[in-house]
Amino acid sequence: MQLTKQQDNDIVPHFGALKRRVDRFIAPAALNKEHSAKMFFDDVGELGEVAIFGGLLRDLCLETNRTFYSDIDVVIETDDERGLASKVAKFDAMKNSFGGYRLQ
């Protein structure tokens, strides 16, 4: 598939550029810091490693963060189920049928 000039400009050129796009998406400057995704990641990150996967990374590789309007898929490496439940409760999380949590 041949990319047009505009499409080619939007594709992330290297990992550092993707990281900057993710950082801007997670903690946009204009967002109230009490409600940012970064606050969530920092909080649950106290329990273990946090990783983002799925559509967010794909879409930020191919386009800018202004075009992403889906969910963020996250996994947290922890054995502390009570600690995790306590932390996600602060964000009004609901347990889903797969044993994970859904947040707004």
PDB file of N, CA and C in Angstrom:
ATOM      1  N   MET A   1       0.849  -1.184   0.000  1.00  0.00           N
ATOM      2  CA  MET A   1       0.000   0.000   0.000  1.00  0.00           C
ATOM      3  C   MET A   1       0.884   1.233   0.000  1.00  0.00           C
ATOM      4  N   GLN A   2       0.602   2.123  -0.895  1.00  0.00           N
ATOM      5  CA  GLN A   2       1.335   3.382  -1.002  1.00  0.00           C
ATOM      6  C   GLN A   2       0.685   4.421  -0.092  1.00  0.00           C
ATOM      7  N   LEU A   3       1.484   5.071   0.760  1.00  0.00           N
ATOM      8  CA  LEU A   3       0.962   6.102   1.647  1.00  0.00           C
ATOM      9  C   LEU A   3       1.017   7.458   0.976  1.00  0.00           C
ATOM     10  N   THR A   4       0.005   8.260   1.204  1.00  0.00           N
ATOM     11  CA  THR A   4       0.040   9.628   0.695  1.00  0.00           C
ATOM     12  C   THR A   4       0.973  10.450   1.570  1.00  0.00           C
ATOM     13  N   LYS A   5       1.342  11.615   1.124  1.00  0.00           N
ATOM     14  CA  LYS A   5       2.228  12.497   1.883  1.00  0.00           C
ATOM     15  C   LYS A   5       1.643  12.805   3.261  1.00  0.00           C
ATOM     16  N   GLN A   6       0.338  13.099   3.347  1.00  0.00           N
ATOM     17  CA  GLN A   6      -0.305  13.420   4.625  1.00  0.00           C
ATOM     18  C   GLN A   6      -0.254  12.216   5.565  1.00  0.00           C
ATOM     19  N   GLN A   7      -0.586  11.018   5.056  1.00  0.00           N
ATOM     20  CA  GLN A   7      -0.554   9.825   5.900  1.00  0.00           C
ATOM     21  C   GLN A   7       0.863   9.562   6.392  1.00  0.00           C
ATOM     22  N   ASP A   8       1.835   9.728   5.529  1.00  0.00           N
ATOM     23  CA  ASP A   8       3.220   9.481   5.882  1.00  0.00           C
ATOM     24  C   ASP A   8       3.679  10.413   7.003  1.00  0.00           C
ATOM     25  N   ASN A   9       3.206  11.647   7.008  1.00  0.00           N
ATOM     26  CA  ASN A   9       3.582  12.602   8.050  1.00  0.00           C
ATOM     27  C   ASN A   9       3.004  12.237   9.404  1.00  0.00           C
ATOM     28  N   ASP A  10       1.869  11.546   9.427  1.00  0.00           N
ATOM     29  CA  ASP A  10       1.211  11.200  10.674  1.00  0.00           C
ATOM     30  C   ASP A  10       1.792   9.946  11.328  1.00  0.00           C
ATOM     31  N   ILE A  11       2.417   9.068  10.569  1.00  0.00           N
ATOM     32  CA  ILE A  11       2.954   7.835  11.138  1.00  0.00           C
ATOM     33  C   ILE A  11       4.126   8.171  12.039  1.00  0.00           C
ATOM     34  N   VAL A  12       4.100   7.590  13.232  1.00  0.00           N
ATOM     35  CA  VAL A  12       5.147   7.883  14.206  1.00  0.00           C
ATOM     36  C   VAL A  12       6.495   7.390  13.659  1.00  0.00           C
ATOM     37  N   PRO A  13       7.521   8.242  13.643  1.00  0.00           N
ATOM     38  CA  PRO A  13       8.783   7.867  13.014  1.00  0.00           C
ATOM     39  C   PRO A  13       9.685   6.972  13.873  1.00  0.00           C
ATOM     40  N   HIS A  14       9.516   7.011  15.210  1.00  0.00           N
ATOM     41  CA  HIS A  14      10.368   6.204  16.089  1.00  0.00           C
ATOM     42  C   HIS A  14       9.721   6.091  17.461  1.00  0.00           C
ATOM     43  N   PHE A  15      10.259   5.207  18.293  1.00  0.00           N
ATOM     44  CA  PHE A  15       9.689   4.931  19.607  1.00  0.00           C
ATOM     45  C   PHE A  15       9.575   6.184  20.471  1.00  0.00           C
ATOM     46  N   GLY A  16      10.567   7.045  20.456  1.00  0.00           N
ATOM     47  CA  GLY A  16      10.534   8.270  21.261  1.00  0.00           C
ATOM     48  C   GLY A  16       9.348   9.150  20.912  1.00  0.00           C
ATOM     49  N   ALA A  17       9.029   9.223  19.625  1.00  0.00           N
ATOM     50  CA  ALA A  17       7.885  10.025  19.187  1.00  0.00           C
ATOM     51  C   ALA A  17       6.577   9.396  19.667  1.00  0.00           C
ATOM     52  N   LEU A  18       6.493   8.068  19.624  1.00  0.00           N
ATOM     53  CA  LEU A  18       5.305   7.387  20.142  1.00  0.00           C
ATOM     54  C   LEU A  18       5.165   7.646  21.638  1.00  0.00           C
ATOM     55  N   LYS A  19       6.256   7.576  22.369  1.00  0.00           N
ATOM     56  CA  LYS A  19       6.215   7.826  23.811  1.00  0.00           C
ATOM     57  C   LYS A  19       5.701   9.240  24.092  1.00  0.00           C
ATOM     58  N   ARG A  20       6.162  10.215  23.329  1.00  0.00           N
ATOM     59  CA  ARG A  20       5.678  11.586  23.522  1.00  0.00           C
ATOM     60  C   ARG A  20       4.180  11.692  23.235  1.00  0.00           C
ATOM     61  N   ARG A  21       3.704  10.997  22.191  1.00  0.00           N
ATOM     62  CA  ARG A  21       2.275  11.015  21.875  1.00  0.00           C
ATOM     63  C   ARG A  21       1.466  10.386  23.012  1.00  0.00           C
ATOM     64  N   VAL A  22       1.955   9.264  23.536  1.00  0.00           N
ATOM     65  CA  VAL A  22       1.264   8.600  24.647  1.00  0.00           C
ATOM     66  C   VAL A  22       1.264   9.507  25.871  1.00  0.00           C
ATOM     67  N   ASP A  23       2.409  10.102  26.188  1.00  0.00           N
ATOM     68  CA  ASP A  23       2.486  11.008  27.345  1.00  0.00           C
ATOM     69  C   ASP A  23       1.502  12.169  27.213  1.00  0.00           C
ATOM     70  N   ARG A  24       1.409  12.754  26.023  1.00  0.00           N
ATOM     71  CA  ARG A  24       0.470  13.862  25.804  1.00  0.00           C
ATOM     72  C   ARG A  24      -0.973  13.391  25.927  1.00  0.00           C
ATOM     73  N   PHE A  25      -1.237  12.163  25.501  1.00  0.00           N
ATOM     74  CA  PHE A  25      -2.590  11.627  25.600  1.00  0.00           C
ATOM     75  C   PHE A  25      -2.953  11.332  27.055  1.00  0.00           C
ATOM     76  N   ILE A  26      -2.026  10.746  27.794  1.00  0.00           N
ATOM     77  CA  ILE A  26      -2.270  10.344  29.178  1.00  0.00           C
ATOM     78  C   ILE A  26      -2.384  11.555  30.101  1.00  0.00           C
ATOM     79  N   ALA A  27      -1.574  12.566  29.888  1.00  0.00           N
ATOM     80  CA  ALA A  27      -1.572  13.739  30.772  1.00  0.00           C
ATOM     81  C   ALA A  27      -1.579  15.030  29.966  1.00  0.00           C
ATOM     82  N   PRO A  28      -2.685  15.306  29.271  1.00  0.00           N
ATOM     83  CA  PRO A  28      -2.731  16.562  28.511  1.00  0.00           C
ATOM     84  C   PRO A  28      -2.642  17.764  29.439  1.00  0.00           C
ATOM     85  N   ALA A  29      -1.960  18.786  28.997  1.00  0.00           N
ATOM     86  CA  ALA A  29      -1.690  19.964  29.827  1.00  0.00           C
ATOM     87  C   ALA A  29      -2.969  20.646  30.314  1.00  0.00           C
ATOM     88  N   ALA A  30      -4.009  20.655  29.506  1.00  0.00           N
ATOM     89  CA  ALA A  30      -5.217  21.384  29.866  1.00  0.00           C
ATOM     90  C   ALA A  30      -6.155  20.600  30.784  1.00  0.00           C
ATOM     91  N   LEU A  31      -5.874  19.330  31.012  1.00  0.00           N
ATOM     92  CA  LEU A  31      -6.774  18.484  31.796  1.00  0.00           C
ATOM     93  C   LEU A  31      -6.567  18.683  33.288  1.00  0.00           C
ATOM     94  N   ASN A  32      -7.637  18.653  34.034  1.00  0.00           N
ATOM     95  CA  ASN A  32      -7.564  18.703  35.486  1.00  0.00           C
ATOM     96  C   ASN A  32      -6.751  17.498  35.965  1.00  0.00           C
ATOM     97  N   LYS A  33      -5.658  17.750  36.657  1.00  0.00           N
ATOM     98  CA  LYS A  33      -4.751  16.679  37.057  1.00  0.00           C
ATOM     99  C   LYS A  33      -5.400  15.653  37.979  1.00  0.00           C
ATOM    100  N   GLU A  34      -6.468  16.030  38.682  1.00  0.00           N
ATOM    101  CA  GLU A  34      -7.148  15.088  39.565  1.00  0.00           C
ATOM    102  C   GLU A  34      -7.928  14.042  38.788  1.00  0.00           C
ATOM    103  N   HIS A  35      -8.171  14.277  37.511  1.00  0.00           N
ATOM    104  CA  HIS A  35      -8.959  13.344  36.721  1.00  0.00           C
ATOM    105  C   HIS A  35      -8.185  12.807  35.526  1.00  0.00           C
ATOM    106  N   SER A  36      -6.890  12.909  35.548  1.00  0.00           N
ATOM    107  CA  SER A  36      -6.114  12.452  34.402  1.00  0.00           C
ATOM    108  C   SER A  36      -5.833  10.958  34.491  1.00  0.00           C
ATOM    109  N   ALA A  37      -5.641  10.355  33.340  1.00  0.00           N
ATOM    110  CA  ALA A  37      -5.242   8.955  33.300  1.00  0.00           C
ATOM    111  C   ALA A  37      -3.892   8.787  33.978  1.00  0.00           C
ATOM    112  N   LYS A  38      -3.050   9.806  33.897  1.00  0.00           N
ATOM    113  CA  LYS A  38      -1.739   9.724  34.534  1.00  0.00           C
ATOM    114  C   LYS A  38      -1.875   9.525  36.039  1.00  0.00           C
ATOM    115  N   MET A  39      -2.831  10.198  36.653  1.00  0.00           N
ATOM    116  CA  MET A  39      -3.050  10.013  38.084  1.00  0.00           C
ATOM    117  C   MET A  39      -3.386   8.551  38.380  1.00  0.00           C
ATOM    118  N   PHE A  40      -4.233   7.943  37.554  1.00  0.00           N
ATOM    119  CA  PHE A  40      -4.576   6.533  37.720  1.00  0.00           C
ATOM    120  C   PHE A  40      -3.334   5.659  37.580  1.00  0.00           C
ATOM    121  N   PHE A  41      -2.559   5.886  36.520  1.00  0.00           N
ATOM    122  CA  PHE A  41      -1.365   5.069  36.287  1.00  0.00           C
ATOM    123  C   PHE A  41      -0.354   5.217  37.418  1.00  0.00           C
ATOM    124  N   ASP A  42      -0.179   6.436  37.904  1.00  0.00           N
ATOM    125  CA  ASP A  42       0.741   6.654  39.018  1.00  0.00           C
ATOM    126  C   ASP A  42       0.263   5.922  40.269  1.00  0.00           C
ATOM    127  N   ASP A  43      -1.037   5.974  40.507  1.00  0.00           N
ATOM    128  CA  ASP A  43      -1.599   5.344  41.706  1.00  0.00           C
ATOM    129  C   ASP A  43      -1.465   3.821  41.659  1.00  0.00           C
ATOM    130  N   VAL A  44      -1.923   3.193  40.592  1.00  0.00           N
ATOM    131  CA  VAL A  44      -1.838   1.726  40.517  1.00  0.00           C
ATOM    132  C   VAL A  44      -0.404   1.271  40.279  1.00  0.00           C
ATOM    133  N   GLY A  45       0.430   2.155  39.747  1.00  0.00           N
ATOM    134  CA  GLY A  45       1.835   1.819  39.532  1.00  0.00           C
ATOM    135  C   GLY A  45       2.583   1.552  40.817  1.00  0.00           C
ATOM    136  N   GLU A  46       2.031   1.978  41.951  1.00  0.00           N
ATOM    137  CA  GLU A  46       2.643   1.676  43.241  1.00  0.00           C
ATOM    138  C   GLU A  46       2.562   0.183  43.556  1.00  0.00           C
ATOM    139  N   LEU A  47       1.643  -0.531  42.879  1.00  0.00           N
ATOM    140  CA  LEU A  47       1.458  -1.964  43.115  1.00  0.00           C
ATOM    141  C   LEU A  47       2.326  -2.831  42.212  1.00  0.00           C
ATOM    142  N   GLY A  48       2.731  -2.311  41.082  1.00  0.00           N
ATOM    143  CA  GLY A  48       3.520  -3.093  40.138  1.00  0.00           C
ATOM    144  C   GLY A  48       3.619  -2.401  38.793  1.00  0.00           C
ATOM    145  N   GLU A  49       4.248  -3.078  37.886  1.00  0.00           N
ATOM    146  CA  GLU A  49       4.448  -2.554  36.534  1.00  0.00           C
ATOM    147  C   GLU A  49       3.109  -2.361  35.832  1.00  0.00           C
ATOM    148  N   VAL A  50       2.952  -1.227  35.137  1.00  0.00           N
ATOM    149  CA  VAL A  50       1.735  -0.917  34.384  1.00  0.00           C
ATOM    150  C   VAL A  50       2.094  -0.866  32.907  1.00  0.00           C
ATOM    151  N   ALA A  51       1.292  -1.548  32.088  1.00  0.00           N
ATOM    152  CA  ALA A  51       1.547  -1.551  30.647  1.00  0.00           C
ATOM    153  C   ALA A  51       0.263  -1.222  29.896  1.00  0.00           C
ATOM    154  N   ILE A  52       0.410  -0.426  28.857  1.00  0.00           N
ATOM    155  CA  ILE A  52      -0.691  -0.091  27.955  1.00  0.00           C
ATOM    156  C   ILE A  52      -0.526  -0.965  26.718  1.00  0.00           C
ATOM    157  N   PHE A  53      -1.641  -1.501  26.218  1.00  0.00           N
ATOM    158  CA  PHE A  53      -1.594  -2.297  24.995  1.00  0.00           C
ATOM    159  C   PHE A  53      -2.859  -2.016  24.197  1.00  0.00           C
ATOM    160  N   GLY A  54      -2.920  -2.534  23.011  1.00  0.00           N
ATOM    161  CA  GLY A  54      -4.145  -2.449  22.231  1.00  0.00           C
ATOM    162  C   GLY A  54      -4.240  -1.250  21.312  1.00  0.00           C
ATOM    163  N   GLY A  55      -5.485  -0.851  21.084  1.00  0.00           N
ATOM    164  CA  GLY A  55      -5.804   0.149  20.074  1.00  0.00           C
ATOM    165  C   GLY A  55      -5.194   1.520  20.282  1.00  0.00           C
ATOM    166  N   LEU A  56      -4.998   1.925  21.547  1.00  0.00           N
ATOM    167  CA  LEU A  56      -4.405   3.242  21.785  1.00  0.00           C
ATOM    168  C   LEU A  56      -3.039   3.336  21.125  1.00  0.00           C
ATOM    169  N   LEU A  57      -2.197   2.355  21.367  1.00  0.00           N
ATOM    170  CA  LEU A  57      -0.841   2.397  20.794  1.00  0.00           C
ATOM    171  C   LEU A  57      -0.872   2.331  19.273  1.00  0.00           C
ATOM    172  N   ARG A  58      -1.727   1.447  18.734  1.00  0.00           N
ATOM    173  CA  ARG A  58      -1.848   1.348  17.271  1.00  0.00           C
ATOM    174  C   ARG A  58      -2.282   2.677  16.685  1.00  0.00           C
ATOM    175  N   ASP A  59      -3.333   3.254  17.254  1.00  0.00           N
ATOM    176  CA  ASP A  59      -3.862   4.495  16.699  1.00  0.00           C
ATOM    177  C   ASP A  59      -2.898   5.663  16.860  1.00  0.00           C
ATOM    178  N   LEU A  60      -2.173   5.714  17.977  1.00  0.00           N
ATOM    179  CA  LEU A  60      -1.205   6.800  18.150  1.00  0.00           C
ATOM    180  C   LEU A  60       0.016   6.611  17.253  1.00  0.00           C
ATOM    181  N   CYS A  61       0.292   5.390  16.846  1.00  0.00           N
ATOM    182  CA  CYS A  61       1.362   5.164  15.857  1.00  0.00           C
ATOM    183  C   CYS A  61       0.945   5.698  14.491  1.00  0.00           C
ATOM    184  N   LEU A  62      -0.320   5.552  14.173  1.00  0.00           N
ATOM    185  CA  LEU A  62      -0.796   5.881  12.833  1.00  0.00           C
ATOM    186  C   LEU A  62      -1.361   7.297  12.709  1.00  0.00           C
ATOM    187  N   GLU A  63      -1.839   7.855  13.817  1.00  0.00           N
ATOM    188  CA  GLU A  63      -2.460   9.169  13.774  1.00  0.00           C
ATOM    189  C   GLU A  63      -2.097   9.937  15.033  1.00  0.00           C
ATOM    190  N   THR A  64      -2.661  11.109  15.171  1.00  0.00           N
ATOM    191  CA  THR A  64      -2.390  11.916  16.357  1.00  0.00           C
ATOM    192  C   THR A  64      -3.357  11.549  17.476  1.00  0.00           C
ATOM    193  N   ASN A  65      -3.084  12.041  18.681  1.00  0.00           N
ATOM    194  CA  ASN A  65      -3.950  11.718  19.809  1.00  0.00           C
ATOM    195  C   ASN A  65      -5.319  12.394  19.717  1.00  0.00           C
ATOM    196  N   ARG A  66      -5.479  13.360  18.852  1.00  0.00           N
ATOM    197  CA  ARG A  66      -6.782  14.029  18.701  1.00  0.00           C
ATOM    198  C   ARG A  66      -7.819  13.126  18.045  1.00  0.00           C
ATOM    199  N   THR A  67      -7.398  12.054  17.398  1.00  0.00           N
ATOM    200  CA  THR A  67      -8.333  11.197  16.681  1.00  0.00           C
ATOM    201  C   THR A  67      -8.694   9.933  17.452  1.00  0.00           C
ATOM    202  N   PHE A  68      -8.148   9.737  18.653  1.00  0.00           N
ATOM    203  CA  PHE A  68      -8.420   8.523  19.418  1.00  0.00           C
ATOM    204  C   PHE A  68      -9.583   8.761  20.375  1.00  0.00           C
ATOM    205  N   TYR A  69     -10.655   7.977  20.226  1.00  0.00           N
ATOM    206  CA  TYR A  69     -11.838   8.120  21.081  1.00  0.00           C
ATOM    207  C   TYR A  69     -12.319   6.766  21.585  1.00  0.00           C
ATOM    208  N   SER A  70     -11.431   5.870  21.868  1.00  0.00           N
ATOM    209  CA  SER A  70     -11.809   4.542  22.314  1.00  0.00           C
ATOM    210  C   SER A  70     -11.340   4.329  23.746  1.00  0.00           C
ATOM    211  N   ASP A  71     -11.303   3.072  24.164  1.00  0.00           N
ATOM    212  CA  ASP A  71     -10.849   2.770  25.515  1.00  0.00           C
ATOM    213  C   ASP A  71      -9.341   2.567  25.547  1.00  0.00           C
ATOM    214  N   ILE A  72      -8.792   2.579  26.741  1.00  0.00           N
ATOM    215  CA  ILE A  72      -7.369   2.327  26.947  1.00  0.00           C
ATOM    216  C   ILE A  72      -7.258   0.978  27.637  1.00  0.00           C
ATOM    217  N   ASP A  73      -6.550   0.056  27.024  1.00  0.00           N
ATOM    218  CA  ASP A  73      -6.348  -1.272  27.599  1.00  0.00           C
ATOM    219  C   ASP A  73      -5.076  -1.254  28.427  1.00  0.00           C
ATOM    220  N   VAL A  74      -5.201  -1.690  29.696  1.00  0.00           N
ATOM    221  CA  VAL A  74      -4.088  -1.626  30.632  1.00  0.00           C
ATOM    222  C   VAL A  74      -3.988  -2.952  31.368  1.00  0.00           C
ATOM    223  N   VAL A  75      -2.766  -3.366  31.649  1.00  0.00           N
ATOM    224  CA  VAL A  75      -2.528  -4.522  32.512  1.00  0.00           C
ATOM    225  C   VAL A  75      -1.572  -4.079  33.611  1.00  0.00           C
ATOM    226  N   ILE A  76      -1.819  -4.575  34.817  1.00  0.00           N
ATOM    227  CA  ILE A  76      -0.989  -4.233  35.970  1.00  0.00           C
ATOM    228  C   ILE A  76      -0.431  -5.527  36.540  1.00  0.00           C
ATOM    229  N   GLU A  77       0.872  -5.609  36.637  1.00  0.00           N
ATOM    230  CA  GLU A  77       1.520  -6.809  37.162  1.00  0.00           C
ATOM    231  C   GLU A  77       1.564  -6.719  38.687  1.00  0.00           C
ATOM    232  N   THR A  78       0.619  -7.407  39.344  1.00  0.00           N
ATOM    233  CA  THR A  78       0.568  -7.387  40.795  1.00  0.00           C
ATOM    234  C   THR A  78      -0.121  -8.642  41.308  1.00  0.00           C
ATOM    235  N   ASP A  79       0.256  -9.059  42.482  1.00  0.00           N
ATOM    236  CA  ASP A  79      -0.419 -10.149  43.185  1.00  0.00           C
ATOM    237  C   ASP A  79      -1.322  -9.608  44.286  1.00  0.00           C
ATOM    238  N   ASP A  80      -1.310  -8.308  44.484  1.00  0.00           N
ATOM    239  CA  ASP A  80      -2.053  -7.657  45.551  1.00  0.00           C
ATOM    240  C   ASP A  80      -3.464  -7.302  45.079  1.00  0.00           C
ATOM    241  N   GLU A  81      -4.355  -8.301  45.071  1.00  0.00           N
ATOM    242  CA  GLU A  81      -5.714  -8.077  44.572  1.00  0.00           C
ATOM    243  C   GLU A  81      -6.486  -7.086  45.440  1.00  0.00           C
ATOM    244  N   ARG A  82      -6.302  -7.154  46.747  1.00  0.00           N
ATOM    245  CA  ARG A  82      -6.994  -6.207  47.635  1.00  0.00           C
ATOM    246  C   ARG A  82      -6.486  -4.780  47.418  1.00  0.00           C
ATOM    247  N   GLY A  83      -5.183  -4.641  47.283  1.00  0.00           N
ATOM    248  CA  GLY A  83      -4.613  -3.321  47.040  1.00  0.00           C
ATOM    249  C   GLY A  83      -5.105  -2.740  45.732  1.00  0.00           C
ATOM    250  N   LEU A  84      -5.166  -3.584  44.703  1.00  0.00           N
ATOM    251  CA  LEU A  84      -5.652  -3.130  43.403  1.00  0.00           C
ATOM    252  C   LEU A  84      -7.121  -2.732  43.500  1.00  0.00           C
ATOM    253  N   ALA A  85      -7.922  -3.559  44.159  1.00  0.00           N
ATOM    254  CA  ALA A  85      -9.347  -3.249  44.314  1.00  0.00           C
ATOM    255  C   ALA A  85      -9.524  -1.919  45.046  1.00  0.00           C
ATOM    256  N   SER A  86      -8.706  -1.679  46.050  1.00  0.00           N
ATOM    257  CA  SER A  86      -8.779  -0.432  46.811  1.00  0.00           C
ATOM    258  C   SER A  86      -8.418   0.769  45.943  1.00  0.00           C
ATOM    259  N   LYS A  87      -7.367   0.625  45.149  1.00  0.00           N
ATOM    260  CA  LYS A  87      -6.930   1.741  44.304  1.00  0.00           C
ATOM    261  C   LYS A  87      -7.933   2.051  43.201  1.00  0.00           C
ATOM    262  N   VAL A  88      -8.465   1.015  42.539  1.00  0.00           N
ATOM    263  CA  VAL A  88      -9.402   1.285  41.437  1.00  0.00           C
ATOM    264  C   VAL A  88     -10.751   1.752  41.955  1.00  0.00           C
ATOM    265  N   ALA A  89     -11.077   1.441  43.217  1.00  0.00           N
ATOM    266  CA  ALA A  89     -12.336   1.917  43.802  1.00  0.00           C
ATOM    267  C   ALA A  89     -12.362   3.445  43.861  1.00  0.00           C
ATOM    268  N   LYS A  90     -11.192   4.060  44.012  1.00  0.00           N
ATOM    269  CA  LYS A  90     -11.117   5.533  44.033  1.00  0.00           C
ATOM    270  C   LYS A  90     -11.580   6.141  42.719  1.00  0.00           C
ATOM    271  N   PHE A  91     -11.534   5.324  41.667  1.00  0.00           N
ATOM    272  CA  PHE A  91     -11.893   5.789  40.331  1.00  0.00           C
ATOM    273  C   PHE A  91     -13.257   5.247  39.895  1.00  0.00           C
ATOM    274  N   ASP A  92     -14.044   4.787  40.879  1.00  0.00           N
ATOM    275  CA  ASP A  92     -15.390   4.246  40.621  1.00  0.00           C
ATOM    276  C   ASP A  92     -15.363   3.096  39.614  1.00  0.00           C
ATOM    277  N   ALA A  93     -14.378   2.219  39.747  1.00  0.00           N
ATOM    278  CA  ALA A  93     -14.252   1.085  38.843  1.00  0.00           C
ATOM    279  C   ALA A  93     -15.310   0.038  39.144  1.00  0.00           C
ATOM    280  N   MET A  94     -15.720  -0.667  38.105  1.00  0.00           N
ATOM    281  CA  MET A  94     -16.665  -1.770  38.251  1.00  0.00           C
ATOM    282  C   MET A  94     -15.982  -3.040  37.757  1.00  0.00           C
ATOM    283  N   LYS A  95     -16.108  -4.116  38.508  1.00  0.00           N
ATOM    284  CA  LYS A  95     -15.506  -5.387  38.117  1.00  0.00           C
ATOM    285  C   LYS A  95     -16.275  -5.944  36.924  1.00  0.00           C
ATOM    286  N   ASN A  96     -15.555  -6.448  35.937  1.00  0.00           N
ATOM    287  CA  ASN A  96     -16.230  -7.001  34.767  1.00  0.00           C
ATOM    288  C   ASN A  96     -16.279  -8.533  34.858  1.00  0.00           C
ATOM    289  N   SER A  97     -16.909  -9.158  33.892  1.00  0.00           N
ATOM    290  CA  SER A  97     -17.097 -10.615  33.924  1.00  0.00           C
ATOM    291  C   SER A  97     -15.795 -11.388  33.715  1.00  0.00           C
ATOM    292  N   PHE A  98     -14.730 -10.699  33.293  1.00  0.00           N
ATOM    293  CA  PHE A  98     -13.439 -11.353  33.078  1.00  0.00           C
ATOM    294  C   PHE A  98     -12.528 -11.232  34.296  1.00  0.00           C
ATOM    295  N   GLY A  99     -13.002 -10.579  35.358  1.00  0.00           N
ATOM    296  CA  GLY A  99     -12.196 -10.390  36.559  1.00  0.00           C
ATOM    297  C   GLY A  99     -11.371  -9.121  36.547  1.00  0.00           C
ATOM    298  N   GLY A 100     -11.499  -8.351  35.488  1.00  0.00           N
ATOM    299  CA  GLY A 100     -10.807  -7.070  35.396  1.00  0.00           C
ATOM    300  C   GLY A 100     -11.713  -5.948  35.845  1.00  0.00           C
ATOM    301  N   TYR A 101     -11.308  -4.735  35.575  1.00  0.00           N
ATOM    302  CA  TYR A 101     -12.083  -3.564  35.981  1.00  0.00           C
ATOM    303  C   TYR A 101     -12.338  -2.656  34.803  1.00  0.00           C
ATOM    304  N   ARG A 102     -13.464  -1.978  34.868  1.00  0.00           N
ATOM    305  CA  ARG A 102     -13.822  -0.976  33.858  1.00  0.00           C
ATOM    306  C   ARG A 102     -13.961   0.361  34.557  1.00  0.00           C
ATOM    307  N   LEU A 103     -13.324   1.371  33.988  1.00  0.00           N
ATOM    308  CA  LEU A 103     -13.368   2.722  34.544  1.00  0.00           C
ATOM    309  C   LEU A 103     -13.828   3.683  33.469  1.00  0.00           C
ATOM    310  N   GLN A 104     -14.374   4.786  33.888  1.00  0.00           N
ATOM    311  CA  GLN A 104     -14.732   5.848  32.952  1.00  0.00           C
ATOM    312  C   GLN A 104     -13.548   6.773  32.772  1.00  0.00           C
TER     313      GLN A 104
END
